[in-house]
């Protein structure tokens, strides 16, 4: 029954082997960025995490920005 409905649907078609190969070769997931980051497990004090989380979405990026700005203040 379902196969008859699929066969009668004008928007349904079976992709060719070349189309399937092309779909498999496509990169999926999040687009690559110019700068890569390192996945790291770190423990911060609760008040630090609470402060940054309270600033809303993007809090981890802001935390990263604060750490980078601190690095820039340090002597080489």
N, C-alpha and C. Protein backbone atom coordinates (compact mmCIF):
# COMPACT_ATOMS: atom_id res chain seq x y z
N UNK A 1 0.81 -1.19 0.00
CA UNK A 1 0.00 0.00 0.00
C UNK A 1 0.86 1.27 0.00
N UNK A 2 1.84 1.31 0.88
CA UNK A 2 2.70 2.49 0.96
C UNK A 2 3.49 2.64 -0.33
N UNK A 3 3.98 1.53 -0.88
CA UNK A 3 4.77 1.59 -2.12
C UNK A 3 3.97 2.16 -3.26
N UNK A 4 2.68 1.89 -3.32
CA UNK A 4 1.81 2.44 -4.38
C UNK A 4 1.71 3.95 -4.23
N UNK A 5 1.53 4.40 -3.01
CA UNK A 5 1.46 5.84 -2.75
C UNK A 5 2.75 6.54 -3.12
N UNK A 6 3.87 5.93 -2.79
CA UNK A 6 5.18 6.51 -3.13
C UNK A 6 5.35 6.56 -4.64
N UNK A 7 4.97 5.47 -5.32
CA UNK A 7 5.11 5.40 -6.78
C UNK A 7 4.24 6.44 -7.48
N UNK A 8 3.11 6.79 -6.90
CA UNK A 8 2.21 7.77 -7.50
C UNK A 8 2.53 9.21 -7.15
N UNK A 9 3.45 9.41 -6.24
CA UNK A 9 3.82 10.77 -5.82
C UNK A 9 4.79 11.36 -6.84
N UNK A 10 4.40 12.47 -7.51
CA UNK A 10 5.28 13.04 -8.54
C UNK A 10 6.56 13.66 -7.97
N UNK A 11 6.61 13.94 -6.69
CA UNK A 11 7.79 14.54 -6.08
C UNK A 11 8.80 13.50 -5.60
N UNK A 12 8.48 12.23 -5.76
CA UNK A 12 9.36 11.16 -5.29
C UNK A 12 10.13 10.56 -6.46
N UNK A 13 11.42 10.37 -6.28
CA UNK A 13 12.23 9.69 -7.28
C UNK A 13 13.36 8.97 -6.57
N UNK A 14 13.92 7.99 -7.23
CA UNK A 14 15.04 7.26 -6.67
C UNK A 14 16.33 7.86 -7.20
N UNK A 15 17.19 8.35 -6.31
CA UNK A 15 18.44 8.96 -6.78
C UNK A 15 19.34 7.93 -7.45
N UNK A 16 20.10 8.42 -8.41
CA UNK A 16 21.04 7.54 -9.13
C UNK A 16 22.24 7.23 -8.23
N UNK A 17 23.02 6.26 -8.65
CA UNK A 17 24.23 5.91 -7.90
C UNK A 17 25.18 7.08 -7.80
N UNK A 18 25.27 7.89 -8.86
CA UNK A 18 26.15 9.07 -8.85
C UNK A 18 25.65 10.10 -7.85
N UNK A 19 24.33 10.29 -7.78
CA UNK A 19 23.77 11.25 -6.82
C UNK A 19 24.01 10.79 -5.39
N UNK A 20 23.86 9.50 -5.15
CA UNK A 20 24.10 8.97 -3.81
C UNK A 20 25.57 9.14 -3.43
N UNK A 21 26.48 8.87 -4.37
CA UNK A 21 27.91 9.04 -4.11
C UNK A 21 28.23 10.50 -3.81
N UNK A 22 27.60 11.42 -4.54
CA UNK A 22 27.84 12.85 -4.31
C UNK A 22 27.34 13.26 -2.92
N UNK A 23 26.16 12.76 -2.53
CA UNK A 23 25.62 13.09 -1.20
C UNK A 23 26.52 12.55 -0.10
N UNK A 24 27.09 11.38 -0.30
CA UNK A 24 27.97 10.80 0.71
C UNK A 24 29.28 11.56 0.84
N UNK A 25 29.69 12.20 -0.24
CA UNK A 25 30.97 12.91 -0.22
C UNK A 25 30.86 14.30 0.40
N UNK A 26 29.65 14.79 0.58
CA UNK A 26 29.47 16.14 1.14
C UNK A 26 29.85 16.15 2.62
N UNK A 27 30.49 17.23 3.02
CA UNK A 27 30.86 17.40 4.42
C UNK A 27 29.62 17.81 5.20
N UNK A 28 29.37 17.11 6.29
CA UNK A 28 28.22 17.43 7.13
C UNK A 28 28.69 18.02 8.45
N UNK A 29 27.76 18.65 9.13
CA UNK A 29 28.07 19.19 10.44
C UNK A 29 28.37 20.68 10.39
N UNK A 30 28.97 21.14 11.42
CA UNK A 30 29.28 22.56 11.57
C UNK A 30 30.36 22.96 10.57
N UNK A 31 30.21 24.11 9.93
CA UNK A 31 31.25 24.55 8.98
C UNK A 31 32.59 24.76 9.68
N UNK A 32 33.66 24.48 8.96
CA UNK A 32 35.00 24.67 9.52
C UNK A 32 35.26 26.16 9.74
N UNK A 33 35.96 26.48 10.81
CA UNK A 33 36.28 27.87 11.09
C UNK A 33 37.76 28.13 10.79
N UNK A 34 38.09 29.40 10.65
CA UNK A 34 39.47 29.78 10.37
C UNK A 34 40.39 29.42 11.53
N UNK A 35 39.90 29.59 12.75
CA UNK A 35 40.73 29.26 13.92
C UNK A 35 40.11 28.06 14.63
N UNK A 36 40.92 27.10 14.94
CA UNK A 36 40.41 25.95 15.65
C UNK A 36 40.58 26.16 17.15
N UNK A 37 39.75 25.47 17.90
CA UNK A 37 39.84 25.55 19.35
C UNK A 37 40.14 24.17 19.88
N UNK A 38 40.60 24.12 21.11
CA UNK A 38 40.96 22.87 21.76
C UNK A 38 39.86 22.49 22.75
N UNK A 39 39.34 21.27 22.63
CA UNK A 39 38.35 20.79 23.58
C UNK A 39 39.10 20.41 24.86
N UNK A 40 38.65 20.96 25.99
CA UNK A 40 39.38 20.81 27.24
C UNK A 40 38.38 20.71 28.38
N UNK A 41 38.68 19.86 29.31
CA UNK A 41 37.87 19.76 30.52
C UNK A 41 38.57 20.55 31.61
N UNK A 42 37.87 21.54 32.16
CA UNK A 42 38.48 22.45 33.14
C UNK A 42 37.49 22.66 34.28
N UNK A 43 37.98 22.88 35.45
CA UNK A 43 37.11 23.19 36.59
C UNK A 43 37.31 24.65 37.00
N UNK A 44 36.21 25.39 37.04
CA UNK A 44 36.22 26.79 37.49
C UNK A 44 35.40 26.89 38.76
N UNK A 45 35.66 27.93 39.54
CA UNK A 45 34.87 28.14 40.75
C UNK A 45 33.42 28.47 40.35
N UNK A 46 32.47 28.07 41.18
CA UNK A 46 31.06 28.28 40.84
C UNK A 46 30.70 29.74 40.57
N UNK A 47 31.33 30.65 41.32
CA UNK A 47 31.00 32.07 41.13
C UNK A 47 31.47 32.58 39.77
N UNK A 48 32.59 32.07 39.27
CA UNK A 48 33.07 32.47 37.94
C UNK A 48 32.11 31.99 36.87
N UNK A 49 31.72 30.72 36.95
CA UNK A 49 30.80 30.17 35.97
C UNK A 49 29.45 30.88 36.04
N UNK A 50 28.95 31.10 37.25
CA UNK A 50 27.66 31.78 37.42
C UNK A 50 27.69 33.18 36.81
N UNK A 51 28.80 33.90 37.03
CA UNK A 51 28.93 35.25 36.48
C UNK A 51 28.81 35.23 34.96
N UNK A 52 29.59 34.37 34.31
CA UNK A 52 29.59 34.35 32.85
C UNK A 52 28.27 33.80 32.29
N UNK A 53 27.72 32.76 32.92
CA UNK A 53 26.44 32.22 32.44
C UNK A 53 25.33 33.26 32.54
N UNK A 54 25.39 34.09 33.55
CA UNK A 54 24.37 35.13 33.74
C UNK A 54 24.39 36.16 32.62
N UNK A 55 25.47 36.21 31.86
CA UNK A 55 25.54 37.18 30.76
C UNK A 55 24.80 36.69 29.52
N UNK A 56 24.28 35.46 29.56
CA UNK A 56 23.45 34.95 28.47
C UNK A 56 24.22 34.13 27.45
N UNK A 57 23.53 33.82 26.34
CA UNK A 57 24.16 33.00 25.30
C UNK A 57 25.47 33.62 24.82
N UNK A 58 26.44 32.75 24.57
CA UNK A 58 27.76 33.22 24.16
C UNK A 58 28.71 33.43 25.32
N UNK A 59 28.29 32.97 26.50
CA UNK A 59 29.10 33.21 27.69
C UNK A 59 30.47 32.55 27.61
N UNK A 60 30.56 31.38 26.97
CA UNK A 60 31.86 30.72 26.87
C UNK A 60 32.81 31.50 25.96
N UNK A 61 32.27 32.08 24.91
CA UNK A 61 33.08 32.92 24.02
C UNK A 61 33.57 34.15 24.77
N UNK A 62 32.69 34.75 25.57
CA UNK A 62 33.11 35.92 26.35
C UNK A 62 34.19 35.54 27.36
N UNK A 63 34.05 34.36 27.96
CA UNK A 63 35.07 33.90 28.90
C UNK A 63 36.40 33.73 28.18
N UNK A 64 36.36 33.18 26.99
CA UNK A 64 37.57 33.02 26.18
C UNK A 64 38.18 34.39 25.86
N UNK A 65 37.33 35.36 25.51
CA UNK A 65 37.82 36.71 25.21
C UNK A 65 38.51 37.35 26.41
N UNK A 66 37.93 37.15 27.61
CA UNK A 66 38.53 37.71 28.83
C UNK A 66 39.90 37.08 29.08
N UNK A 67 40.00 35.78 28.89
CA UNK A 67 41.29 35.10 29.10
C UNK A 67 42.32 35.57 28.08
N UNK A 68 41.90 35.75 26.84
CA UNK A 68 42.84 36.25 25.81
C UNK A 68 43.30 37.67 26.12
N UNK A 69 42.38 38.50 26.60
CA UNK A 69 42.79 39.88 26.93
C UNK A 69 43.75 39.89 28.11
N UNK A 70 43.57 38.98 29.07
CA UNK A 70 44.50 38.89 30.19
C UNK A 70 45.88 38.45 29.69
N UNK A 71 45.91 37.49 28.77
CA UNK A 71 47.20 37.04 28.21
C UNK A 71 47.93 38.20 27.56
N UNK A 72 47.18 39.07 26.87
CA UNK A 72 47.79 40.21 26.17
C UNK A 72 48.44 41.19 27.16
N UNK A 73 48.00 41.18 28.42
CA UNK A 73 48.58 42.10 29.40
C UNK A 73 49.84 41.56 30.05
N UNK A 74 50.14 40.30 29.81
CA UNK A 74 51.29 39.67 30.45
C UNK A 74 52.56 39.94 29.65
N UNK A 75 53.63 40.14 30.35
CA UNK A 75 54.92 40.38 29.69
C UNK A 75 55.41 39.08 29.04
N UNK A 76 56.07 39.20 27.90
CA UNK A 76 56.56 37.98 27.21
C UNK A 76 57.66 37.28 27.97
